[in-house]
């Protein structure tokens, strides 16, 4: 159950951070205006709160592992929202990152 909760929180964090950054991008680069930028800033702030809900208490571990989720999530967002088509190297890199997430977050550790 702890692993499932952690995975759900990583997905929520990715949605907030990547979605927020995309909204800011749209507001600035695509000239959609301050409402888009403001919504992006709010979403980015929510990302910070979601990260604190992870069951592991180690900030460095959570953020390091989340980096891999961010990489894979960003490619997925690009595919779903912007029509980006990753090549085999993008996919290989994302899989390596997700493997790193699994090792960092869910590898066996001695009980303390």
PDB file of N, CA and C in Angstrom:
ATOM      1  N   UNK A   1       0.817  -1.200   0.000  1.00  0.00           N
ATOM      2  CA  UNK A   1       0.000   0.000   0.000  1.00  0.00           C
ATOM      3  C   UNK A   1       0.865   1.271   0.000  1.00  0.00           C
ATOM      4  N   UNK A   2       2.014   1.224   0.695  1.00  0.00           N
ATOM      5  CA  UNK A   2       2.903   2.379   0.730  1.00  0.00           C
ATOM      6  C   UNK A   2       3.467   2.670  -0.654  1.00  0.00           C
ATOM      7  N   UNK A   3       3.834   1.635  -1.400  1.00  0.00           N
ATOM      8  CA  UNK A   3       4.361   1.830  -2.754  1.00  0.00           C
ATOM      9  C   UNK A   3       3.273   2.414  -3.650  1.00  0.00           C
ATOM     10  N   UNK A   4       2.066   1.906  -3.560  1.00  0.00           N
ATOM     11  CA  UNK A   4       0.969   2.433  -4.373  1.00  0.00           C
ATOM     12  C   UNK A   4       0.713   3.905  -4.056  1.00  0.00           C
ATOM     13  N   UNK A   5       0.699   4.250  -2.769  1.00  0.00           N
ATOM     14  CA  UNK A   5       0.500   5.649  -2.370  1.00  0.00           C
ATOM     15  C   UNK A   5       1.613   6.513  -2.950  1.00  0.00           C
ATOM     16  N   UNK A   6       2.841   6.052  -2.854  1.00  0.00           N
ATOM     17  CA  UNK A   6       3.976   6.788  -3.371  1.00  0.00           C
ATOM     18  C   UNK A   6       3.858   7.004  -4.881  1.00  0.00           C
ATOM     19  N   UNK A   7       3.464   5.977  -5.609  1.00  0.00           N
ATOM     20  CA  UNK A   7       3.314   6.093  -7.065  1.00  0.00           C
ATOM     21  C   UNK A   7       2.211   7.085  -7.434  1.00  0.00           C
ATOM     22  N   UNK A   8       1.103   7.043  -6.711  1.00  0.00           N
ATOM     23  CA  UNK A   8       0.004   7.982  -6.960  1.00  0.00           C
ATOM     24  C   UNK A   8       0.467   9.413  -6.687  1.00  0.00           C
ATOM     25  N   UNK A   9       1.228   9.609  -5.608  1.00  0.00           N
ATOM     26  CA  UNK A   9       1.730  10.943  -5.286  1.00  0.00           C
ATOM     27  C   UNK A   9       2.740  11.423  -6.324  1.00  0.00           C
ATOM     28  N   UNK A  10       3.584  10.521  -6.825  1.00  0.00           N
ATOM     29  CA  UNK A  10       4.505  10.912  -7.891  1.00  0.00           C
ATOM     30  C   UNK A  10       3.728  11.341  -9.130  1.00  0.00           C
ATOM     31  N   UNK A  11       2.676  10.616  -9.468  1.00  0.00           N
ATOM     32  CA  UNK A  11       1.865  10.974 -10.636  1.00  0.00           C
ATOM     33  C   UNK A  11       1.184  12.329 -10.432  1.00  0.00           C
ATOM     34  N   UNK A  12       0.651  12.569  -9.240  1.00  0.00           N
ATOM     35  CA  UNK A  12       0.009  13.850  -8.946  1.00  0.00           C
ATOM     36  C   UNK A  12       1.024  14.992  -8.995  1.00  0.00           C
ATOM     37  N   UNK A  13       2.212  14.743  -8.458  1.00  0.00           N
ATOM     38  CA  UNK A  13       3.264  15.766  -8.490  1.00  0.00           C
ATOM     39  C   UNK A  13       3.650  16.089  -9.931  1.00  0.00           C
ATOM     40  N   UNK A  14       3.792  15.058 -10.754  1.00  0.00           N
ATOM     41  CA  UNK A  14       4.156  15.274 -12.153  1.00  0.00           C
ATOM     42  C   UNK A  14       3.069  16.063 -12.882  1.00  0.00           C
ATOM     43  N   UNK A  15       1.830  15.713 -12.631  1.00  0.00           N
ATOM     44  CA  UNK A  15       0.722  16.439 -13.266  1.00  0.00           C
ATOM     45  C   UNK A  15       0.762  17.915 -12.884  1.00  0.00           C
ATOM     46  N   UNK A  16       0.975  18.192 -11.593  1.00  0.00           N
ATOM     47  CA  UNK A  16       1.008  19.583 -11.140  1.00  0.00           C
ATOM     48  C   UNK A  16       2.216  20.328 -11.693  1.00  0.00           C
ATOM     49  N   UNK A  17       3.398  19.714 -11.610  1.00  0.00           N
ATOM     50  CA  UNK A  17       4.596  20.435 -12.044  1.00  0.00           C
ATOM     51  C   UNK A  17       4.663  20.578 -13.563  1.00  0.00           C
ATOM     52  N   UNK A  18       4.464  19.488 -14.260  1.00  0.00           N
ATOM     53  CA  UNK A  18       4.562  19.552 -15.725  1.00  0.00           C
ATOM     54  C   UNK A  18       3.404  20.379 -16.285  1.00  0.00           C
ATOM     55  N   UNK A  19       2.219  20.161 -15.754  1.00  0.00           N
ATOM     56  CA  UNK A  19       1.072  20.963 -16.193  1.00  0.00           C
ATOM     57  C   UNK A  19       1.264  22.438 -15.900  1.00  0.00           C
ATOM     58  N   UNK A  20       1.799  22.743 -14.718  1.00  0.00           N
ATOM     59  CA  UNK A  20       2.051  24.137 -14.366  1.00  0.00           C
ATOM     60  C   UNK A  20       3.078  24.782 -15.277  1.00  0.00           C
ATOM     61  N   UNK A  21       4.160  24.067 -15.525  1.00  0.00           N
ATOM     62  CA  UNK A  21       5.188  24.601 -16.418  1.00  0.00           C
ATOM     63  C   UNK A  21       4.634  24.784 -17.835  1.00  0.00           C
ATOM     64  N   UNK A  22       3.790  23.846 -18.275  1.00  0.00           N
ATOM     65  CA  UNK A  22       3.194  23.960 -19.608  1.00  0.00           C
ATOM     66  C   UNK A  22       2.278  25.186 -19.681  1.00  0.00           C
ATOM     67  N   UNK A  23       1.504  25.429 -18.610  1.00  0.00           N
ATOM     68  CA  UNK A  23       0.624  26.605 -18.597  1.00  0.00           C
ATOM     69  C   UNK A  23       1.430  27.896 -18.667  1.00  0.00           C
ATOM     70  N   UNK A  24       2.529  27.968 -17.921  1.00  0.00           N
ATOM     71  CA  UNK A  24       3.390  29.154 -17.984  1.00  0.00           C
ATOM     72  C   UNK A  24       3.959  29.292 -19.397  1.00  0.00           C
ATOM     73  N   UNK A  25       4.409  28.188 -19.960  1.00  0.00           N
ATOM     74  CA  UNK A  25       4.937  28.196 -21.332  1.00  0.00           C
ATOM     75  C   UNK A  25       3.885  28.744 -22.303  1.00  0.00           C
ATOM     76  N   UNK A  26       2.672  28.246 -22.182  1.00  0.00           N
ATOM     77  CA  UNK A  26       1.602  28.708 -23.063  1.00  0.00           C
ATOM     78  C   UNK A  26       1.337  30.202 -22.874  1.00  0.00           C
ATOM     79  N   UNK A  27       1.325  30.636 -21.621  1.00  0.00           N
ATOM     80  CA  UNK A  27       1.077  32.044 -21.342  1.00  0.00           C
ATOM     81  C   UNK A  27       2.140  32.958 -21.908  1.00  0.00           C
ATOM     82  N   UNK A  28       3.397  32.542 -21.812  1.00  0.00           N
ATOM     83  CA  UNK A  28       4.508  33.390 -22.252  1.00  0.00           C
ATOM     84  C   UNK A  28       4.843  33.155 -23.729  1.00  0.00           C
ATOM     85  N   UNK A  29       5.164  31.908 -24.067  1.00  0.00           N
ATOM     86  CA  UNK A  29       5.669  31.627 -25.418  1.00  0.00           C
ATOM     87  C   UNK A  29       4.576  31.655 -26.482  1.00  0.00           C
ATOM     88  N   UNK A  30       3.370  31.278 -26.089  1.00  0.00           N
ATOM     89  CA  UNK A  30       2.264  31.254 -27.052  1.00  0.00           C
ATOM     90  C   UNK A  30       1.344  32.467 -26.893  1.00  0.00           C
ATOM     91  N   UNK A  31       1.749  33.401 -26.037  1.00  0.00           N
ATOM     92  CA  UNK A  31       1.049  34.679 -25.851  1.00  0.00           C
ATOM     93  C   UNK A  31      -0.420  34.503 -25.442  1.00  0.00           C
ATOM     94  N   UNK A  32      -0.662  33.553 -24.529  1.00  0.00           N
ATOM     95  CA  UNK A  32      -2.044  33.334 -24.078  1.00  0.00           C
ATOM     96  C   UNK A  32      -2.411  34.182 -22.882  1.00  0.00           C
ATOM     97  N   UNK A  33      -1.451  34.836 -22.273  1.00  0.00           N
ATOM     98  CA  UNK A  33      -1.754  35.830 -21.263  1.00  0.00           C
ATOM     99  C   UNK A  33      -1.535  35.418 -19.820  1.00  0.00           C
ATOM    100  N   UNK A  34      -1.831  36.397 -18.958  1.00  0.00           N
ATOM    101  CA  UNK A  34      -1.567  36.277 -17.528  1.00  0.00           C
ATOM    102  C   UNK A  34      -2.420  35.243 -16.820  1.00  0.00           C
ATOM    103  N   UNK A  35      -3.599  34.973 -17.300  1.00  0.00           N
ATOM    104  CA  UNK A  35      -4.438  33.955 -16.645  1.00  0.00           C
ATOM    105  C   UNK A  35      -3.769  32.586 -16.761  1.00  0.00           C
ATOM    106  N   UNK A  36      -3.230  32.272 -17.908  1.00  0.00           N
ATOM    107  CA  UNK A  36      -2.525  31.004 -18.095  1.00  0.00           C
ATOM    108  C   UNK A  36      -1.283  30.952 -17.206  1.00  0.00           C
ATOM    109  N   UNK A  37      -0.553  32.066 -17.173  1.00  0.00           N
ATOM    110  CA  UNK A  37       0.653  32.126 -16.346  1.00  0.00           C
ATOM    111  C   UNK A  37       0.283  31.956 -14.874  1.00  0.00           C
ATOM    112  N   UNK A  38      -0.745  32.657 -14.424  1.00  0.00           N
ATOM    113  CA  UNK A  38      -1.179  32.559 -13.028  1.00  0.00           C
ATOM    114  C   UNK A  38      -1.621  31.151 -12.665  1.00  0.00           C
ATOM    115  N   UNK A  39      -2.370  30.514 -13.557  1.00  0.00           N
ATOM    116  CA  UNK A  39      -2.792  29.130 -13.300  1.00  0.00           C
ATOM    117  C   UNK A  39      -1.578  28.212 -13.212  1.00  0.00           C
ATOM    118  N   UNK A  40      -0.574  28.466 -14.046  1.00  0.00           N
ATOM    119  CA  UNK A  40       0.648  27.677 -14.002  1.00  0.00           C
ATOM    120  C   UNK A  40       1.399  27.855 -12.702  1.00  0.00           C
ATOM    121  N   UNK A  41       1.480  29.080 -12.225  1.00  0.00           N
ATOM    122  CA  UNK A  41       2.164  29.355 -10.959  1.00  0.00           C
ATOM    123  C   UNK A  41       1.444  28.651  -9.805  1.00  0.00           C
ATOM    124  N   UNK A  42       0.135  28.663  -9.805  1.00  0.00           N
ATOM    125  CA  UNK A  42      -0.633  27.962  -8.763  1.00  0.00           C
ATOM    126  C   UNK A  42      -0.364  26.463  -8.826  1.00  0.00           C
ATOM    127  N   UNK A  43      -0.386  25.902 -10.023  1.00  0.00           N
ATOM    128  CA  UNK A  43      -0.128  24.462 -10.175  1.00  0.00           C
ATOM    129  C   UNK A  43       1.283  24.113  -9.702  1.00  0.00           C
ATOM    130  N   UNK A  44       2.251  24.955 -10.026  1.00  0.00           N
ATOM    131  CA  UNK A  44       3.620  24.706  -9.578  1.00  0.00           C
ATOM    132  C   UNK A  44       3.714  24.756  -8.054  1.00  0.00           C
ATOM    133  N   UNK A  45       2.973  25.653  -7.433  1.00  0.00           N
ATOM    134  CA  UNK A  45       2.931  25.703  -5.971  1.00  0.00           C
ATOM    135  C   UNK A  45       2.307  24.448  -5.388  1.00  0.00           C
ATOM    136  N   UNK A  46       1.264  23.948  -6.014  1.00  0.00           N
ATOM    137  CA  UNK A  46       0.632  22.709  -5.555  1.00  0.00           C
ATOM    138  C   UNK A  46       1.587  21.529  -5.634  1.00  0.00           C
ATOM    139  N   UNK A  47       2.432  21.517  -6.650  1.00  0.00           N
ATOM    140  CA  UNK A  47       3.436  20.469  -6.769  1.00  0.00           C
ATOM    141  C   UNK A  47       4.286  20.390  -5.493  1.00  0.00           C
ATOM    142  N   UNK A  48       4.699  21.534  -4.992  1.00  0.00           N
ATOM    143  CA  UNK A  48       5.521  21.560  -3.787  1.00  0.00           C
ATOM    144  C   UNK A  48       4.831  20.927  -2.594  1.00  0.00           C
ATOM    145  N   UNK A  49       3.534  21.129  -2.480  1.00  0.00           N
ATOM    146  CA  UNK A  49       2.788  20.522  -1.379  1.00  0.00           C
ATOM    147  C   UNK A  49       2.619  19.021  -1.572  1.00  0.00           C
ATOM    148  N   UNK A  50       2.340  18.603  -2.784  1.00  0.00           N
ATOM    149  CA  UNK A  50       2.143  17.174  -3.052  1.00  0.00           C
ATOM    150  C   UNK A  50       3.405  16.392  -2.699  1.00  0.00           C
ATOM    151  N   UNK A  51       4.556  16.943  -3.018  1.00  0.00           N
ATOM    152  CA  UNK A  51       5.815  16.248  -2.725  1.00  0.00           C
ATOM    153  C   UNK A  51       5.984  15.979  -1.230  1.00  0.00           C
ATOM    154  N   UNK A  52       5.462  16.843  -0.387  1.00  0.00           N
ATOM    155  CA  UNK A  52       5.603  16.649   1.063  1.00  0.00           C
ATOM    156  C   UNK A  52       4.764  15.499   1.596  1.00  0.00           C
ATOM    157  N   UNK A  53       3.845  14.985   0.811  1.00  0.00           N
ATOM    158  CA  UNK A  53       2.957  13.905   1.261  1.00  0.00           C
ATOM    159  C   UNK A  53       3.552  12.517   1.054  1.00  0.00           C
ATOM    160  N   UNK A  54       4.714  12.442   0.432  1.00  0.00           N
ATOM    161  CA  UNK A  54       5.350  11.137   0.213  1.00  0.00           C
ATOM    162  C   UNK A  54       5.622  10.455   1.562  1.00  0.00           C
ATOM    163  N   UNK A  55       5.452   9.127   1.626  1.00  0.00           N
ATOM    164  CA  UNK A  55       5.665   8.419   2.882  1.00  0.00           C
ATOM    165  C   UNK A  55       7.112   8.434   3.378  1.00  0.00           C
ATOM    166  N   UNK A  56       8.090   8.522   2.482  1.00  0.00           N
ATOM    167  CA  UNK A  56       9.492   8.580   2.885  1.00  0.00           C
ATOM    168  C   UNK A  56       9.789   9.991   3.387  1.00  0.00           C
ATOM    169  N   UNK A  57      10.512  10.105   4.479  1.00  0.00           N
ATOM    170  CA  UNK A  57      10.770  11.404   5.102  1.00  0.00           C
ATOM    171  C   UNK A  57      12.040  12.079   4.601  1.00  0.00           C
ATOM    172  N   UNK A  58      12.737  11.510   3.642  1.00  0.00           N
ATOM    173  CA  UNK A  58      14.010  12.048   3.173  1.00  0.00           C
ATOM    174  C   UNK A  58      13.827  12.908   1.935  1.00  0.00           C
ATOM    175  N   UNK A  59      13.932  14.221   2.121  1.00  0.00           N
ATOM    176  CA  UNK A  59      13.728  15.178   1.040  1.00  0.00           C
ATOM    177  C   UNK A  59      14.598  14.860  -0.173  1.00  0.00           C
ATOM    178  N   UNK A  60      15.887  14.637   0.047  1.00  0.00           N
ATOM    179  CA  UNK A  60      16.797  14.377  -1.066  1.00  0.00           C
ATOM    180  C   UNK A  60      16.403  13.158  -1.864  1.00  0.00           C
ATOM    181  N   UNK A  61      15.996  12.091  -1.180  1.00  0.00           N
ATOM    182  CA  UNK A  61      15.583  10.864  -1.869  1.00  0.00           C
ATOM    183  C   UNK A  61      14.330  11.110  -2.697  1.00  0.00           C
ATOM    184  N   UNK A  62      13.366  11.793  -2.121  1.00  0.00           N
ATOM    185  CA  UNK A  62      12.101  12.057  -2.828  1.00  0.00           C
ATOM    186  C   UNK A  62      12.366  12.880  -4.084  1.00  0.00           C
ATOM    187  N   UNK A  63      13.122  13.964  -3.946  1.00  0.00           N
ATOM    188  CA  UNK A  63      13.362  14.822  -5.106  1.00  0.00           C
ATOM    189  C   UNK A  63      14.236  14.150  -6.145  1.00  0.00           C
ATOM    190  N   UNK A  64      15.206  13.356  -5.711  1.00  0.00           N
ATOM    191  CA  UNK A  64      16.051  12.636  -6.668  1.00  0.00           C
ATOM    192  C   UNK A  64      15.213  11.639  -7.462  1.00  0.00           C
ATOM    193  N   UNK A  65      14.392  10.887  -6.766  1.00  0.00           N
ATOM    194  CA  UNK A  65      13.546   9.907  -7.449  1.00  0.00           C
ATOM    195  C   UNK A  65      12.520  10.608  -8.338  1.00  0.00           C
ATOM    196  N   UNK A  66      11.955  11.703  -7.844  1.00  0.00           N
ATOM    197  CA  UNK A  66      10.962  12.418  -8.632  1.00  0.00           C
ATOM    198  C   UNK A  66      11.550  12.913  -9.955  1.00  0.00           C
ATOM    199  N   UNK A  67      12.844  13.200  -9.962  1.00  0.00           N
ATOM    200  CA  UNK A  67      13.479  13.633 -11.210  1.00  0.00           C
ATOM    201  C   UNK A  67      13.248  12.650 -12.343  1.00  0.00           C
ATOM    202  N   UNK A  68      13.309  11.354 -12.036  1.00  0.00           N
ATOM    203  CA  UNK A  68      13.051  10.337 -13.057  1.00  0.00           C
ATOM    204  C   UNK A  68      11.605  10.329 -13.509  1.00  0.00           C
ATOM    205  N   UNK A  69      10.700  10.539 -12.554  1.00  0.00           N
ATOM    206  CA  UNK A  69       9.274  10.625 -12.891  1.00  0.00           C
ATOM    207  C   UNK A  69       9.036  11.840 -13.780  1.00  0.00           C
ATOM    208  N   UNK A  70       9.704  12.941 -13.461  1.00  0.00           N
ATOM    209  CA  UNK A  70       9.563  14.162 -14.250  1.00  0.00           C
ATOM    210  C   UNK A  70      10.012  13.949 -15.696  1.00  0.00           C
ATOM    211  N   UNK A  71      11.128  13.265 -15.883  1.00  0.00           N
ATOM    212  CA  UNK A  71      11.635  13.009 -17.242  1.00  0.00           C
ATOM    213  C   UNK A  71      10.606  12.223 -18.051  1.00  0.00           C
ATOM    214  N   UNK A  72      10.170  11.090 -17.506  1.00  0.00           N
ATOM    215  CA  UNK A  72       9.205  10.247 -18.226  1.00  0.00           C
ATOM    216  C   UNK A  72       7.866  10.968 -18.396  1.00  0.00           C
ATOM    217  N   UNK A  73       7.437  11.660 -17.348  1.00  0.00           N
ATOM    218  CA  UNK A  73       6.167  12.385 -17.416  1.00  0.00           C
ATOM    219  C   UNK A  73       6.186  13.510 -18.436  1.00  0.00           C
ATOM    220  N   UNK A  74       7.319  14.176 -18.556  1.00  0.00           N
ATOM    221  CA  UNK A  74       7.427  15.265 -19.534  1.00  0.00           C
ATOM    222  C   UNK A  74       7.304  14.743 -20.958  1.00  0.00           C
ATOM    223  N   UNK A  75       7.932  13.612 -21.224  1.00  0.00           N
ATOM    224  CA  UNK A  75       7.790  13.014 -22.553  1.00  0.00           C
ATOM    225  C   UNK A  75       6.351  12.582 -22.809  1.00  0.00           C
ATOM    226  N   UNK A  76       5.716  11.984 -21.800  1.00  0.00           N
ATOM    227  CA  UNK A  76       4.320  11.561 -21.945  1.00  0.00           C
ATOM    228  C   UNK A  76       3.415  12.774 -22.175  1.00  0.00           C
ATOM    229  N   UNK A  77       3.636  13.851 -21.410  1.00  0.00           N
ATOM    230  CA  UNK A  77       2.839  15.072 -21.581  1.00  0.00           C
ATOM    231  C   UNK A  77       2.994  15.592 -23.010  1.00  0.00           C
ATOM    232  N   UNK A  78       4.220  15.639 -23.479  1.00  0.00           N
ATOM    233  CA  UNK A  78       4.464  16.100 -24.840  1.00  0.00           C
ATOM    234  C   UNK A  78       3.718  15.275 -25.868  1.00  0.00           C
ATOM    235  N   UNK A  79       3.670  13.968 -25.648  1.00  0.00           N
ATOM    236  CA  UNK A  79       2.944  13.088 -26.573  1.00  0.00           C
ATOM    237  C   UNK A  79       1.447  13.361 -26.529  1.00  0.00           C
ATOM    238  N   UNK A  80       0.899  13.444 -25.323  1.00  0.00           N
ATOM    239  CA  UNK A  80      -0.549  13.564 -25.162  1.00  0.00           C
ATOM    240  C   UNK A  80      -1.080  14.953 -25.490  1.00  0.00           C
ATOM    241  N   UNK A  81      -0.312  15.981 -25.152  1.00  0.00           N
ATOM    242  CA  UNK A  81      -0.823  17.344 -25.258  1.00  0.00           C
ATOM    243  C   UNK A  81      -0.307  18.081 -26.497  1.00  0.00           C
ATOM    244  N   UNK A  82       0.954  17.855 -26.834  1.00  0.00           N
ATOM    245  CA  UNK A  82       1.563  18.622 -27.918  1.00  0.00           C
ATOM    246  C   UNK A  82       1.847  17.824 -29.183  1.00  0.00           C
ATOM    247  N   UNK A  83       1.510  16.541 -29.198  1.00  0.00           N
ATOM    248  CA  UNK A  83       1.740  15.737 -30.384  1.00  0.00           C
ATOM    249  C   UNK A  83       3.188  15.353 -30.619  1.00  0.00           C
ATOM    250  N   UNK A  84       4.029  15.474 -29.593  1.00  0.00           N
ATOM    251  CA  UNK A  84       5.435  15.096 -29.683  1.00  0.00           C
ATOM    252  C   UNK A  84       5.553  13.591 -29.849  1.00  0.00           C
ATOM    253  N   UNK A  85       6.462  13.151 -30.696  1.00  0.00           N
ATOM    254  CA  UNK A  85       6.711  11.722 -30.892  1.00  0.00           C
ATOM    255  C   UNK A  85       8.144  11.419 -30.480  1.00  0.00           C
ATOM    256  N   UNK A  86       8.319  10.773 -29.320  1.00  0.00           N
ATOM    257  CA  UNK A  86       9.680  10.468 -28.872  1.00  0.00           C
ATOM    258  C   UNK A  86      10.333   9.421 -29.766  1.00  0.00           C
ATOM    259  N   UNK A  87      11.645   9.532 -29.896  1.00  0.00           N
ATOM    260  CA  UNK A  87      12.360   8.497 -30.636  1.00  0.00           C
ATOM    261  C   UNK A  87      12.826   7.418 -29.654  1.00  0.00           C
ATOM    262  N   UNK A  88      13.508   6.424 -30.157  1.00  0.00           N
ATOM    263  CA  UNK A  88      13.901   5.295 -29.306  1.00  0.00           C
ATOM    264  C   UNK A  88      14.837   5.731 -28.197  1.00  0.00           C
ATOM    265  N   UNK A  89      15.619   6.781 -28.427  1.00  0.00           N
ATOM    266  CA  UNK A  89      16.547   7.254 -27.401  1.00  0.00           C
ATOM    267  C   UNK A  89      15.796   7.973 -26.287  1.00  0.00           C
ATOM    268  N   UNK A  90      14.755   8.707 -26.638  1.00  0.00           N
ATOM    269  CA  UNK A  90      13.901   9.316 -25.614  1.00  0.00           C
ATOM    270  C   UNK A  90      13.286   8.233 -24.733  1.00  0.00           C
ATOM    271  N   UNK A  91      12.757   7.208 -25.376  1.00  0.00           N
ATOM    272  CA  UNK A  91      12.110   6.111 -24.642  1.00  0.00           C
ATOM    273  C   UNK A  91      13.128   5.375 -23.776  1.00  0.00           C
ATOM    274  N   UNK A  92      14.289   5.083 -24.332  1.00  0.00           N
ATOM    275  CA  UNK A  92      15.327   4.391 -23.560  1.00  0.00           C
ATOM    276  C   UNK A  92      15.748   5.221 -22.351  1.00  0.00           C
ATOM    277  N   UNK A  93      15.932   6.504 -22.553  1.00  0.00           N
ATOM    278  CA  UNK A  93      16.311   7.379 -21.446  1.00  0.00           C
ATOM    279  C   UNK A  93      15.246   7.434 -20.370  1.00  0.00           C
ATOM    280  N   UNK A  94      13.983   7.512 -20.776  1.00  0.00           N
ATOM    281  CA  UNK A  94      12.885   7.543 -19.806  1.00  0.00           C
ATOM    282  C   UNK A  94      12.824   6.239 -19.018  1.00  0.00           C
ATOM    283  N   UNK A  95      13.030   5.113 -19.697  1.00  0.00           N
ATOM    284  CA  UNK A  95      13.022   3.823 -18.995  1.00  0.00           C
ATOM    285  C   UNK A  95      14.177   3.723 -18.003  1.00  0.00           C
ATOM    286  N   UNK A  96      15.342   4.242 -18.392  1.00  0.00           N
ATOM    287  CA  UNK A  96      16.466   4.281 -17.455  1.00  0.00           C
ATOM    288  C   UNK A  96      16.127   5.132 -16.227  1.00  0.00           C
ATOM    289  N   UNK A  97      15.502   6.267 -16.468  1.00  0.00           N
ATOM    290  CA  UNK A  97      15.114   7.139 -15.353  1.00  0.00           C
ATOM    291  C   UNK A  97      14.114   6.453 -14.431  1.00  0.00           C
ATOM    292  N   UNK A  98      13.128   5.776 -15.004  1.00  0.00           N
ATOM    293  CA  UNK A  98      12.136   5.086 -14.175  1.00  0.00           C
ATOM    294  C   UNK A  98      12.758   3.916 -13.420  1.00  0.00           C
ATOM    295  N   UNK A  99      13.753   3.283 -14.007  1.00  0.00           N
ATOM    296  CA  UNK A  99      14.487   2.245 -13.280  1.00  0.00           C
ATOM    297  C   UNK A  99      15.200   2.871 -12.081  1.00  0.00           C
ATOM    298  N   UNK A 100      15.772   4.032 -12.286  1.00  0.00           N
ATOM    299  CA  UNK A 100      16.406   4.753 -11.189  1.00  0.00           C
ATOM    300  C   UNK A 100      15.423   5.102 -10.088  1.00  0.00           C
ATOM    301  N   UNK A 101      14.223   5.509 -10.461  1.00  0.00           N
ATOM    302  CA  UNK A 101      13.182   5.793  -9.468  1.00  0.00           C
ATOM    303  C   UNK A 101      12.927   4.556  -8.615  1.00  0.00           C
ATOM    304  N   UNK A 102      12.768   3.416  -9.275  1.00  0.00           N
ATOM    305  CA  UNK A 102      12.473   2.174  -8.553  1.00  0.00           C
ATOM    306  C   UNK A 102      13.606   1.806  -7.596  1.00  0.00           C
ATOM    307  N   UNK A 103      14.835   1.954  -8.054  1.00  0.00           N
ATOM    308  CA  UNK A 103      15.980   1.614  -7.200  1.00  0.00           C
ATOM    309  C   UNK A 103      16.063   2.569  -6.014  1.00  0.00           C
ATOM    310  N   UNK A 104      15.948   3.866  -6.272  1.00  0.00           N
ATOM    311  CA  UNK A 104      16.065   4.856  -5.205  1.00  0.00           C
ATOM    312  C   UNK A 104      14.933   4.721  -4.183  1.00  0.00           C
ATOM    313  N   UNK A 105      13.714   4.595  -4.658  1.00  0.00           N
ATOM    314  CA  UNK A 105      12.565   4.628  -3.754  1.00  0.00           C
ATOM    315  C   UNK A 105      12.221   3.279  -3.138  1.00  0.00           C
ATOM    316  N   UNK A 106      12.353   2.217  -3.900  1.00  0.00           N
ATOM    317  CA  UNK A 106      11.778   0.951  -3.458  1.00  0.00           C
ATOM    318  C   UNK A 106      12.795  -0.167  -3.276  1.00  0.00           C
ATOM    319  N   UNK A 107      14.086   0.171  -3.380  1.00  0.00           N
ATOM    320  CA  UNK A 107      15.114  -0.813  -3.122  1.00  0.00           C
ATOM    321  C   UNK A 107      15.113  -1.203  -1.646  1.00  0.00           C
ATOM    322  N   UNK A 108      15.536  -2.437  -1.346  1.00  0.00           N
ATOM    323  CA  UNK A 108      15.522  -2.876   0.049  1.00  0.00           C
ATOM    324  C   UNK A 108      16.509  -2.084   0.890  1.00  0.00           C
ATOM    325  N   UNK A 109      16.057  -1.687   2.046  1.00  0.00           N
ATOM    326  CA  UNK A 109      16.889  -0.942   2.988  1.00  0.00           C
ATOM    327  C   UNK A 109      16.786  -1.581   4.358  1.00  0.00           C
ATOM    328  N   UNK A 110      17.867  -1.518   5.119  1.00  0.00           N
ATOM    329  CA  UNK A 110      17.793  -2.073   6.472  1.00  0.00           C
ATOM    330  C   UNK A 110      16.842  -1.237   7.332  1.00  0.00           C
ATOM    331  N   UNK A 111      16.128  -1.901   8.193  1.00  0.00           N
ATOM    332  CA  UNK A 111      15.230  -1.214   9.129  1.00  0.00           C
ATOM    333  C   UNK A 111      16.067  -0.394  10.104  1.00  0.00           C
ATOM    334  N   UNK A 112      15.623   0.822  10.367  1.00  0.00           N
ATOM    335  CA  UNK A 112      16.353   1.684  11.300  1.00  0.00           C
ATOM    336  C   UNK A 112      15.579   1.833  12.578  1.00  0.00           C
TER     337      UNK A 112
END
